[in-house]
């Protein structure tokens, strides 16, 4: 198999996965509650897996203090994971609160940085980014718990959609390069 045929096959798979990502992103934007619950469920399972990892590690350490510590950490992971799996909507509200807090903190940091860059090219954009982040954070916070029904799923959908679009454009450009090879 030639390098060119391997590259074509890889690009074909990349294009197919890009289209799948675009479709998943669009679904998440169209059905943000379902997407948010799915994200919360995945996080719940990841927490359970992390808890199991800590149990395994606790089983293999030789120090009694480390065993106790690892067991406590494992319990925290297990409780968090089980809670999210049994109560995904409550987990969605928590996730929305975390996103809102993140945007608020990010906005304040951007404002401080923007004020430090006043008068410099691009400094105004940093100020605008800070203001925008704070406004969005406050809007999300003001509409809790109803904003939990759409914020996480919509943001995940937008992220997946743009990842799919950028991968698709990169794959199409790579295909043009490979096609032009002798």
N, C-alpha and C. Protein backbone atom coordinates (compact mmCIF):
# COMPACT_ATOMS: atom_id res chain seq x y z
N UNK A 1 0.85 -1.17 0.00
CA UNK A 1 0.00 0.00 0.00
C UNK A 1 0.89 1.24 0.00
N UNK A 2 0.63 2.17 -0.89
CA UNK A 2 1.46 3.37 -1.01
C UNK A 2 1.10 4.40 0.05
N UNK A 3 2.01 5.33 0.26
CA UNK A 3 1.78 6.42 1.21
C UNK A 3 0.55 7.22 0.80
N UNK A 4 0.40 7.43 -0.49
CA UNK A 4 -0.73 8.20 -1.00
C UNK A 4 -2.05 7.49 -0.69
N UNK A 5 -2.12 6.18 -0.88
CA UNK A 5 -3.37 5.46 -0.62
C UNK A 5 -3.67 5.41 0.88
N UNK A 6 -2.62 5.29 1.69
CA UNK A 6 -2.82 5.33 3.15
C UNK A 6 -3.35 6.70 3.56
N UNK A 7 -2.76 7.75 3.01
CA UNK A 7 -3.21 9.11 3.32
C UNK A 7 -4.65 9.32 2.89
N UNK A 8 -5.02 8.84 1.71
CA UNK A 8 -6.40 8.98 1.23
C UNK A 8 -7.38 8.28 2.17
N UNK A 9 -7.02 7.06 2.59
CA UNK A 9 -7.90 6.31 3.49
C UNK A 9 -8.05 7.04 4.82
N UNK A 10 -6.93 7.55 5.37
CA UNK A 10 -6.97 8.29 6.62
C UNK A 10 -7.83 9.54 6.49
N UNK A 11 -7.68 10.23 5.38
CA UNK A 11 -8.45 11.45 5.15
C UNK A 11 -9.93 11.10 5.02
N UNK A 12 -10.23 9.99 4.36
CA UNK A 12 -11.63 9.56 4.24
C UNK A 12 -12.26 9.32 5.60
N UNK A 13 -11.54 8.63 6.48
CA UNK A 13 -12.04 8.40 7.83
C UNK A 13 -12.19 9.72 8.58
N UNK A 14 -11.24 10.61 8.41
CA UNK A 14 -11.30 11.90 9.09
C UNK A 14 -12.52 12.70 8.63
N UNK A 15 -12.81 12.66 7.34
CA UNK A 15 -14.00 13.36 6.83
C UNK A 15 -15.26 12.73 7.40
N UNK A 16 -15.33 11.41 7.43
CA UNK A 16 -16.51 10.73 7.97
C UNK A 16 -16.72 11.07 9.45
N UNK A 17 -15.64 11.05 10.23
CA UNK A 17 -15.76 11.39 11.64
C UNK A 17 -16.12 12.86 11.83
N UNK A 18 -15.63 13.72 10.95
CA UNK A 18 -15.97 15.14 11.00
C UNK A 18 -17.47 15.34 10.82
N UNK A 19 -18.02 14.66 9.83
CA UNK A 19 -19.46 14.76 9.57
C UNK A 19 -20.24 14.24 10.78
N UNK A 20 -19.78 13.14 11.37
CA UNK A 20 -20.44 12.60 12.57
C UNK A 20 -20.39 13.62 13.70
N UNK A 21 -19.24 14.25 13.91
CA UNK A 21 -19.12 15.27 14.95
C UNK A 21 -20.06 16.44 14.69
N UNK A 22 -20.17 16.86 13.45
CA UNK A 22 -21.08 17.96 13.10
C UNK A 22 -22.51 17.57 13.43
N UNK A 23 -22.90 16.35 13.09
CA UNK A 23 -24.26 15.89 13.37
C UNK A 23 -24.52 15.79 14.88
N UNK A 24 -23.55 15.28 15.63
CA UNK A 24 -23.69 15.19 17.08
C UNK A 24 -23.79 16.59 17.68
N UNK A 25 -22.96 17.51 17.21
CA UNK A 25 -23.02 18.89 17.70
C UNK A 25 -24.37 19.53 17.41
N UNK A 26 -24.88 19.33 16.20
CA UNK A 26 -26.20 19.88 15.87
C UNK A 26 -27.29 19.27 16.74
N UNK A 27 -27.22 17.95 16.97
CA UNK A 27 -28.20 17.30 17.84
C UNK A 27 -28.15 17.91 19.24
N UNK A 28 -26.95 18.13 19.77
CA UNK A 28 -26.81 18.69 21.11
C UNK A 28 -27.39 20.10 21.17
N UNK A 29 -27.23 20.87 20.10
CA UNK A 29 -27.79 22.22 20.07
C UNK A 29 -29.31 22.17 19.97
N UNK A 30 -29.83 21.23 19.18
CA UNK A 30 -31.28 21.10 19.00
C UNK A 30 -31.94 20.50 20.25
N UNK A 31 -31.26 19.58 20.91
CA UNK A 31 -31.80 18.91 22.10
C UNK A 31 -30.82 19.09 23.27
N UNK A 32 -30.69 20.33 23.77
CA UNK A 32 -29.67 20.59 24.79
C UNK A 32 -29.90 19.87 26.11
N UNK A 33 -31.16 19.64 26.48
CA UNK A 33 -31.41 18.94 27.74
C UNK A 33 -30.90 17.50 27.65
N UNK A 34 -31.21 16.83 26.55
CA UNK A 34 -30.73 15.45 26.36
C UNK A 34 -29.20 15.42 26.34
N UNK A 35 -28.60 16.39 25.67
CA UNK A 35 -27.13 16.44 25.61
C UNK A 35 -26.55 16.71 26.99
N UNK A 36 -27.17 17.60 27.74
CA UNK A 36 -26.69 17.91 29.09
C UNK A 36 -26.78 16.71 30.01
N UNK A 37 -27.90 15.98 29.93
CA UNK A 37 -28.05 14.77 30.74
C UNK A 37 -27.01 13.73 30.33
N UNK A 38 -26.75 13.63 29.03
CA UNK A 38 -25.72 12.69 28.56
C UNK A 38 -24.35 13.06 29.11
N UNK A 39 -24.02 14.35 29.10
CA UNK A 39 -22.73 14.81 29.63
C UNK A 39 -22.66 14.50 31.13
N UNK A 40 -23.73 14.78 31.85
CA UNK A 40 -23.75 14.51 33.29
C UNK A 40 -23.59 13.02 33.56
N UNK A 41 -24.23 12.19 32.75
CA UNK A 41 -24.12 10.74 32.91
C UNK A 41 -22.70 10.26 32.64
N UNK A 42 -22.09 10.79 31.60
CA UNK A 42 -20.69 10.42 31.30
C UNK A 42 -19.78 10.83 32.46
N UNK A 43 -19.99 12.02 33.00
CA UNK A 43 -19.18 12.46 34.14
C UNK A 43 -19.40 11.53 35.33
N UNK A 44 -20.65 11.11 35.55
CA UNK A 44 -20.94 10.16 36.63
C UNK A 44 -20.17 8.86 36.48
N UNK A 45 -20.17 8.31 35.26
CA UNK A 45 -19.43 7.07 35.01
C UNK A 45 -17.93 7.28 35.17
N UNK A 46 -17.43 8.43 34.73
CA UNK A 46 -16.00 8.72 34.88
C UNK A 46 -15.61 8.83 36.36
N UNK A 47 -16.50 9.40 37.16
CA UNK A 47 -16.23 9.46 38.60
C UNK A 47 -16.20 8.07 39.21
N UNK A 48 -17.13 7.19 38.80
CA UNK A 48 -17.11 5.81 39.29
C UNK A 48 -15.82 5.10 38.89
N UNK A 49 -15.40 5.30 37.66
CA UNK A 49 -14.15 4.70 37.19
C UNK A 49 -12.96 5.23 37.99
N UNK A 50 -12.96 6.52 38.26
CA UNK A 50 -11.89 7.11 39.07
C UNK A 50 -11.90 6.53 40.48
N UNK A 51 -13.09 6.34 41.04
CA UNK A 51 -13.20 5.72 42.36
C UNK A 51 -12.63 4.32 42.35
N UNK A 52 -12.95 3.55 41.32
CA UNK A 52 -12.42 2.18 41.20
C UNK A 52 -10.89 2.20 41.09
N UNK A 53 -10.37 3.19 40.38
CA UNK A 53 -8.91 3.32 40.25
C UNK A 53 -8.27 3.57 41.61
N UNK A 54 -8.90 4.42 42.41
CA UNK A 54 -8.36 4.70 43.75
C UNK A 54 -8.46 3.48 44.65
N UNK A 55 -9.52 2.68 44.52
CA UNK A 55 -9.63 1.44 45.29
C UNK A 55 -8.49 0.50 44.90
N UNK A 56 -8.26 0.37 43.60
CA UNK A 56 -7.18 -0.50 43.12
C UNK A 56 -5.84 -0.02 43.67
N UNK A 57 -5.63 1.30 43.63
CA UNK A 57 -4.37 1.84 44.13
C UNK A 57 -4.25 1.60 45.63
N UNK A 58 -5.35 1.81 46.38
CA UNK A 58 -5.33 1.59 47.83
C UNK A 58 -4.99 0.14 48.16
N UNK A 59 -5.46 -0.77 47.34
CA UNK A 59 -5.19 -2.19 47.54
C UNK A 59 -3.70 -2.51 47.38
N UNK A 60 -3.02 -1.71 46.56
CA UNK A 60 -1.62 -2.01 46.23
C UNK A 60 -0.59 -1.15 46.99
N UNK A 61 -1.01 -0.20 47.78
CA UNK A 61 -0.04 0.59 48.54
C UNK A 61 0.30 -0.13 49.84
N UNK A 62 1.46 0.19 50.34
CA UNK A 62 1.95 -0.51 51.52
C UNK A 62 1.76 0.29 52.81
N UNK A 63 1.40 1.55 52.70
CA UNK A 63 1.27 2.42 53.87
C UNK A 63 -0.18 2.47 54.33
N UNK A 64 -0.40 2.30 55.63
CA UNK A 64 -1.76 2.33 56.18
C UNK A 64 -2.40 3.70 55.96
N UNK A 65 -1.61 4.76 56.14
CA UNK A 65 -2.14 6.11 55.92
C UNK A 65 -2.56 6.33 54.48
N UNK A 66 -1.78 5.80 53.55
CA UNK A 66 -2.12 5.94 52.14
C UNK A 66 -3.37 5.15 51.80
N UNK A 67 -3.53 3.98 52.43
CA UNK A 67 -4.73 3.17 52.19
C UNK A 67 -5.97 3.94 52.64
N UNK A 68 -5.90 4.52 53.82
CA UNK A 68 -7.04 5.29 54.34
C UNK A 68 -7.33 6.47 53.43
N UNK A 69 -6.29 7.20 53.05
CA UNK A 69 -6.46 8.36 52.17
C UNK A 69 -7.08 7.95 50.84
N UNK A 70 -6.54 6.93 50.21
CA UNK A 70 -7.06 6.46 48.91
C UNK A 70 -8.49 5.97 49.04
N UNK A 71 -8.80 5.31 50.15
CA UNK A 71 -10.18 4.83 50.36
C UNK A 71 -11.14 6.01 50.51
N UNK A 72 -10.73 7.05 51.21
CA UNK A 72 -11.59 8.23 51.37
C UNK A 72 -11.80 8.93 50.03
N UNK A 73 -10.73 9.05 49.26
CA UNK A 73 -10.85 9.67 47.93
C UNK A 73 -11.76 8.82 47.05
N UNK A 74 -11.60 7.50 47.11
CA UNK A 74 -12.45 6.60 46.32
C UNK A 74 -13.92 6.77 46.71
N UNK A 75 -14.20 6.87 48.01
CA UNK A 75 -15.59 7.08 48.46
C UNK A 75 -16.16 8.37 47.91
N UNK A 76 -15.37 9.43 47.92
CA UNK A 76 -15.84 10.71 47.38
C UNK A 76 -16.19 10.57 45.90
N UNK A 77 -15.32 9.91 45.15
CA UNK A 77 -15.60 9.67 43.73
C UNK A 77 -16.85 8.82 43.54
N UNK A 78 -16.96 7.75 44.34
CA UNK A 78 -18.13 6.88 44.21
C UNK A 78 -19.43 7.62 44.53
N UNK A 79 -19.44 8.38 45.63
CA UNK A 79 -20.65 9.12 45.99
C UNK A 79 -21.00 10.14 44.91
N UNK A 80 -19.99 10.86 44.42
CA UNK A 80 -20.25 11.83 43.36
C UNK A 80 -20.78 11.17 42.10
N UNK A 81 -20.18 10.07 41.70
CA UNK A 81 -20.61 9.36 40.50
C UNK A 81 -22.01 8.80 40.64
N UNK A 82 -22.29 8.16 41.77
CA UNK A 82 -23.62 7.58 42.00
C UNK A 82 -24.66 8.69 42.04
N UNK A 83 -24.34 9.80 42.71
CA UNK A 83 -25.28 10.91 42.78
C UNK A 83 -25.62 11.43 41.38
N UNK A 84 -24.60 11.63 40.54
CA UNK A 84 -24.86 12.13 39.19
C UNK A 84 -25.66 11.14 38.36
N UNK A 85 -25.40 9.85 38.53
CA UNK A 85 -26.14 8.85 37.77
C UNK A 85 -27.59 8.73 38.24
N UNK A 86 -27.83 8.90 39.54
CA UNK A 86 -29.19 8.80 40.06
C UNK A 86 -29.97 10.11 39.92
N UNK A 87 -29.26 11.23 39.90
CA UNK A 87 -29.90 12.55 39.84
C UNK A 87 -29.24 13.41 38.76
N UNK A 88 -29.36 13.04 37.50
CA UNK A 88 -28.66 13.78 36.44
C UNK A 88 -29.13 15.23 36.30
N UNK A 89 -30.40 15.51 36.60
CA UNK A 89 -30.87 16.89 36.47
C UNK A 89 -30.27 17.78 37.55
N UNK A 90 -30.14 17.26 38.77
CA UNK A 90 -29.48 18.03 39.83
C UNK A 90 -28.01 18.22 39.47
N UNK A 91 -27.40 17.21 38.89
CA UNK A 91 -26.02 17.33 38.43
C UNK A 91 -25.89 18.38 37.35
N UNK A 92 -26.91 18.48 36.51
CA UNK A 92 -26.92 19.48 35.44
C UNK A 92 -26.96 20.89 36.02
N UNK A 93 -27.72 21.08 37.10
CA UNK A 93 -27.77 22.39 37.76
C UNK A 93 -26.39 22.70 38.35
N UNK A 94 -25.76 21.71 38.97
CA UNK A 94 -24.41 21.92 39.52
C UNK A 94 -23.42 22.27 38.43
N UNK A 95 -23.49 21.56 37.33
CA UNK A 95 -22.59 21.83 36.20
C UNK A 95 -22.82 23.25 35.67
N UNK A 96 -24.06 23.67 35.61
CA UNK A 96 -24.38 25.02 35.14
C UNK A 96 -23.83 26.07 36.10
N UNK A 97 -23.94 25.81 37.39
CA UNK A 97 -23.36 26.73 38.39
C UNK A 97 -21.85 26.85 38.21
N UNK A 98 -21.20 25.72 37.97
CA UNK A 98 -19.75 25.73 37.77
C UNK A 98 -19.39 26.52 36.51
N UNK A 99 -20.15 26.31 35.42
CA UNK A 99 -19.90 27.06 34.18
C UNK A 99 -20.10 28.56 34.40
N UNK A 100 -21.15 28.92 35.13
CA UNK A 100 -21.41 30.33 35.40
C UNK A 100 -20.28 30.94 36.23
N UNK A 101 -19.84 30.22 37.26
CA UNK A 101 -18.74 30.72 38.09
C UNK A 101 -17.46 30.86 37.27
N UNK A 102 -17.20 29.88 36.41
CA UNK A 102 -16.02 29.94 35.54
C UNK A 102 -16.07 31.19 34.66
N UNK A 103 -17.22 31.43 34.02
CA UNK A 103 -17.34 32.60 33.13
C UNK A 103 -17.18 33.90 33.91
N UNK A 104 -17.72 33.94 35.13
CA UNK A 104 -17.59 35.14 35.95
C UNK A 104 -16.12 35.40 36.31
N UNK A 105 -15.43 34.38 36.78
CA UNK A 105 -14.01 34.53 37.14
C UNK A 105 -13.19 34.89 35.90
N UNK A 106 -13.44 34.21 34.79
CA UNK A 106 -12.73 34.50 33.54
C UNK A 106 -12.97 35.95 33.14
N UNK A 107 -14.21 36.41 33.25
CA UNK A 107 -14.54 37.78 32.88
C UNK A 107 -13.80 38.80 33.72
N UNK A 108 -13.73 38.56 35.03
CA UNK A 108 -13.02 39.47 35.92
C UNK A 108 -11.53 39.50 35.56
N UNK A 109 -10.95 38.32 35.32
CA UNK A 109 -9.53 38.25 34.94
C UNK A 109 -9.29 38.99 33.62
N UNK A 110 -10.19 38.81 32.65
CA UNK A 110 -10.05 39.50 31.36
C UNK A 110 -10.18 41.02 31.54
N UNK A 111 -11.08 41.46 32.41
CA UNK A 111 -11.22 42.90 32.66
C UNK A 111 -9.93 43.47 33.26
N UNK A 112 -9.40 42.78 34.26
CA UNK A 112 -8.16 43.24 34.89
C UNK A 112 -7.04 43.30 33.85
N UNK A 113 -6.91 42.24 33.05
CA UNK A 113 -5.90 42.23 31.99
C UNK A 113 -6.15 43.30 30.95
N UNK A 114 -7.41 43.51 30.60
CA UNK A 114 -7.76 44.53 29.61
C UNK A 114 -7.45 45.93 30.09
N UNK A 115 -7.71 46.19 31.38
CA UNK A 115 -7.37 47.51 31.92
C UNK A 115 -5.86 47.71 31.92
N UNK A 116 -5.12 46.63 32.16
CA UNK A 116 -3.66 46.72 32.11
C UNK A 116 -3.13 46.98 30.71
N UNK A 117 -3.91 46.60 29.71
CA UNK A 117 -3.50 46.78 28.31
C UNK A 117 -4.17 47.97 27.64
N UNK A 118 -4.84 48.83 28.43
CA UNK A 118 -5.50 49.99 27.84
C UNK A 118 -4.54 50.82 27.03
N UNK A 119 -4.99 51.23 25.88
CA UNK A 119 -4.17 52.04 25.01
C UNK A 119 -3.26 51.23 24.09
N UNK A 120 -3.17 49.95 24.34
CA UNK A 120 -2.36 49.08 23.48
C UNK A 120 -3.27 48.43 22.45
N UNK A 121 -2.74 48.11 21.28
CA UNK A 121 -3.57 47.45 20.27
C UNK A 121 -4.12 46.12 20.80
N UNK A 122 -5.42 45.95 20.70
CA UNK A 122 -6.06 44.72 21.14
C UNK A 122 -6.54 44.75 22.57
N UNK A 123 -6.12 45.73 23.35
CA UNK A 123 -6.53 45.80 24.75
C UNK A 123 -8.03 45.95 24.92
N UNK A 124 -8.64 46.70 24.02
CA UNK A 124 -10.09 46.89 24.06
C UNK A 124 -10.84 45.59 23.84
N UNK A 125 -10.28 44.71 23.02
CA UNK A 125 -10.93 43.41 22.77
C UNK A 125 -10.95 42.57 24.04
N UNK A 126 -9.87 42.68 24.83
CA UNK A 126 -9.81 41.93 26.08
C UNK A 126 -10.86 42.46 27.06
N UNK A 127 -11.01 43.79 27.10
CA UNK A 127 -12.05 44.38 27.95
C UNK A 127 -13.43 43.91 27.51
N UNK A 128 -13.68 43.92 26.22
CA UNK A 128 -14.97 43.47 25.68
C UNK A 128 -15.22 42.01 26.02
N UNK A 129 -14.19 41.17 25.90
CA UNK A 129 -14.30 39.76 26.25
C UNK A 129 -14.69 39.61 27.72
N UNK A 130 -14.05 40.39 28.58
CA UNK A 130 -14.36 40.34 30.01
C UNK A 130 -15.78 40.74 30.31
N UNK A 131 -16.22 41.84 29.71
CA UNK A 131 -17.60 42.30 29.92
C UNK A 131 -18.59 41.25 29.42
N UNK A 132 -18.35 40.72 28.23
CA UNK A 132 -19.23 39.72 27.64
C UNK A 132 -19.32 38.48 28.54
N UNK A 133 -18.18 38.00 29.03
CA UNK A 133 -18.16 36.81 29.89
C UNK A 133 -18.94 37.05 31.18
N UNK A 134 -18.77 38.23 31.76
CA UNK A 134 -19.49 38.54 33.01
C UNK A 134 -20.99 38.63 32.75
N UNK A 135 -21.39 39.28 31.67
CA UNK A 135 -22.82 39.39 31.34
C UNK A 135 -23.42 38.00 31.13
N UNK A 136 -22.74 37.15 30.37
CA UNK A 136 -23.26 35.79 30.13
C UNK A 136 -23.34 35.02 31.45
N UNK A 137 -22.32 35.12 32.29
CA UNK A 137 -22.34 34.43 33.59
C UNK A 137 -23.53 34.88 34.43
N UNK A 138 -23.77 36.19 34.48
CA UNK A 138 -24.88 36.71 35.27
C UNK A 138 -26.23 36.31 34.68
N UNK A 139 -26.33 36.26 33.36
CA UNK A 139 -27.58 35.81 32.72
C UNK A 139 -27.86 34.35 33.06
N UNK A 140 -26.83 33.52 32.99
CA UNK A 140 -27.01 32.10 33.33
C UNK A 140 -27.42 31.97 34.79
N UNK A 141 -26.72 32.68 35.67
CA UNK A 141 -26.99 32.63 37.10
C UNK A 141 -28.41 33.11 37.40
N UNK A 142 -28.83 34.19 36.76
CA UNK A 142 -30.15 34.78 37.03
C UNK A 142 -31.29 33.85 36.61
N UNK A 143 -31.04 32.99 35.66
CA UNK A 143 -32.10 32.11 35.15
C UNK A 143 -32.00 30.68 35.67
N UNK A 144 -31.15 30.46 36.68
CA UNK A 144 -31.10 29.13 37.29
C UNK A 144 -32.40 28.86 38.02
N UNK A 145 -32.91 27.69 38.06
CA UNK A 145 -32.37 26.45 37.52
C UNK A 145 -32.77 26.18 36.06
N UNK A 146 -33.64 27.05 35.49
CA UNK A 146 -34.10 26.76 34.13
C UNK A 146 -32.97 26.81 33.10
N UNK A 147 -31.95 27.63 33.33
CA UNK A 147 -30.84 27.70 32.37
C UNK A 147 -30.06 26.39 32.33
N UNK A 148 -30.18 25.58 33.38
CA UNK A 148 -29.49 24.28 33.40
C UNK A 148 -30.04 23.35 32.33
N UNK A 149 -31.26 23.60 31.88
CA UNK A 149 -31.87 22.74 30.86
C UNK A 149 -31.23 22.94 29.49
N UNK A 150 -30.57 24.08 29.28
CA UNK A 150 -30.03 24.33 27.93
C UNK A 150 -28.56 24.74 27.89
N UNK A 151 -28.02 25.32 28.94
CA UNK A 151 -26.65 25.86 28.87
C UNK A 151 -25.58 24.78 28.63
N UNK A 152 -25.46 23.76 29.49
CA UNK A 152 -24.37 22.79 29.25
C UNK A 152 -24.49 22.07 27.91
N UNK A 153 -25.69 21.61 27.58
CA UNK A 153 -25.88 20.90 26.31
C UNK A 153 -25.59 21.77 25.11
N UNK A 154 -26.03 23.03 25.16
CA UNK A 154 -25.78 23.94 24.05
C UNK A 154 -24.29 24.23 23.89
N UNK A 155 -23.61 24.48 25.01
CA UNK A 155 -22.17 24.77 24.93
C UNK A 155 -21.38 23.56 24.43
N UNK A 156 -21.75 22.37 24.90
CA UNK A 156 -21.09 21.15 24.41
C UNK A 156 -21.37 20.98 22.92
N UNK A 157 -22.62 21.23 22.52
CA UNK A 157 -22.99 21.12 21.11
C UNK A 157 -22.20 22.07 20.23
N UNK A 158 -22.07 23.31 20.68
CA UNK A 158 -21.30 24.30 19.90
C UNK A 158 -19.84 23.86 19.80
N UNK A 159 -19.28 23.38 20.90
CA UNK A 159 -17.88 22.94 20.89
C UNK A 159 -17.68 21.77 19.93
N UNK A 160 -18.58 20.78 19.98
CA UNK A 160 -18.45 19.61 19.10
C UNK A 160 -18.68 20.01 17.65
N UNK A 161 -19.66 20.88 17.41
CA UNK A 161 -19.94 21.35 16.05
C UNK A 161 -18.71 22.03 15.44
N UNK A 162 -18.10 22.95 16.19
CA UNK A 162 -16.94 23.66 15.65
C UNK A 162 -15.72 22.75 15.52
N UNK A 163 -15.58 21.78 16.42
CA UNK A 163 -14.50 20.80 16.26
C UNK A 163 -14.70 20.00 14.99
N UNK A 164 -15.93 19.59 14.74
CA UNK A 164 -16.23 18.85 13.51
C UNK A 164 -15.99 19.68 12.27
N UNK A 165 -16.42 20.94 12.30
CA UNK A 165 -16.22 21.82 11.15
C UNK A 165 -14.73 22.05 10.88
N UNK A 166 -13.97 22.32 11.93
CA UNK A 166 -12.53 22.58 11.73
C UNK A 166 -11.83 21.32 11.23
N UNK A 167 -12.20 20.15 11.76
CA UNK A 167 -11.61 18.89 11.29
C UNK A 167 -11.98 18.63 9.84
N UNK A 168 -13.23 18.93 9.48
CA UNK A 168 -13.67 18.73 8.10
C UNK A 168 -12.88 19.62 7.14
N UNK A 169 -12.74 20.90 7.49
CA UNK A 169 -11.99 21.82 6.63
C UNK A 169 -10.52 21.41 6.52
N UNK A 170 -9.94 20.97 7.63
CA UNK A 170 -8.56 20.50 7.60
C UNK A 170 -8.44 19.24 6.74
N UNK A 171 -9.39 18.33 6.86
CA UNK A 171 -9.36 17.09 6.07
C UNK A 171 -9.51 17.37 4.59
N UNK A 172 -10.41 18.30 4.25
CA UNK A 172 -10.59 18.64 2.83
C UNK A 172 -9.33 19.29 2.26
N UNK A 173 -8.68 20.13 3.07
CA UNK A 173 -7.42 20.74 2.61
C UNK A 173 -6.35 19.67 2.44
N UNK A 174 -6.28 18.72 3.36
CA UNK A 174 -5.30 17.63 3.24
C UNK A 174 -5.58 16.78 2.01
N UNK A 175 -6.86 16.56 1.72
CA UNK A 175 -7.21 15.77 0.53
C UNK A 175 -6.75 16.47 -0.74
N UNK A 176 -6.88 17.81 -0.78
CA UNK A 176 -6.41 18.56 -1.95
C UNK A 176 -4.90 18.42 -2.11
N UNK A 177 -4.18 18.45 -0.99
CA UNK A 177 -2.72 18.32 -1.04
C UNK A 177 -2.34 16.92 -1.52
N UNK A 178 -2.99 15.90 -0.98
CA UNK A 178 -2.67 14.52 -1.37
C UNK A 178 -3.02 14.28 -2.83
N UNK A 179 -4.13 14.84 -3.28
CA UNK A 179 -4.54 14.67 -4.68
C UNK A 179 -3.53 15.33 -5.62
N UNK A 180 -2.92 16.41 -5.18
CA UNK A 180 -1.96 17.13 -6.02
C UNK A 180 -0.59 16.44 -6.06
N UNK A 181 -0.37 15.48 -5.16
CA UNK A 181 0.92 14.77 -5.16
C UNK A 181 1.04 13.91 -6.41
N UNK A 182 2.27 13.75 -6.89
CA UNK A 182 2.47 12.91 -8.09
C UNK A 182 2.23 11.44 -7.80
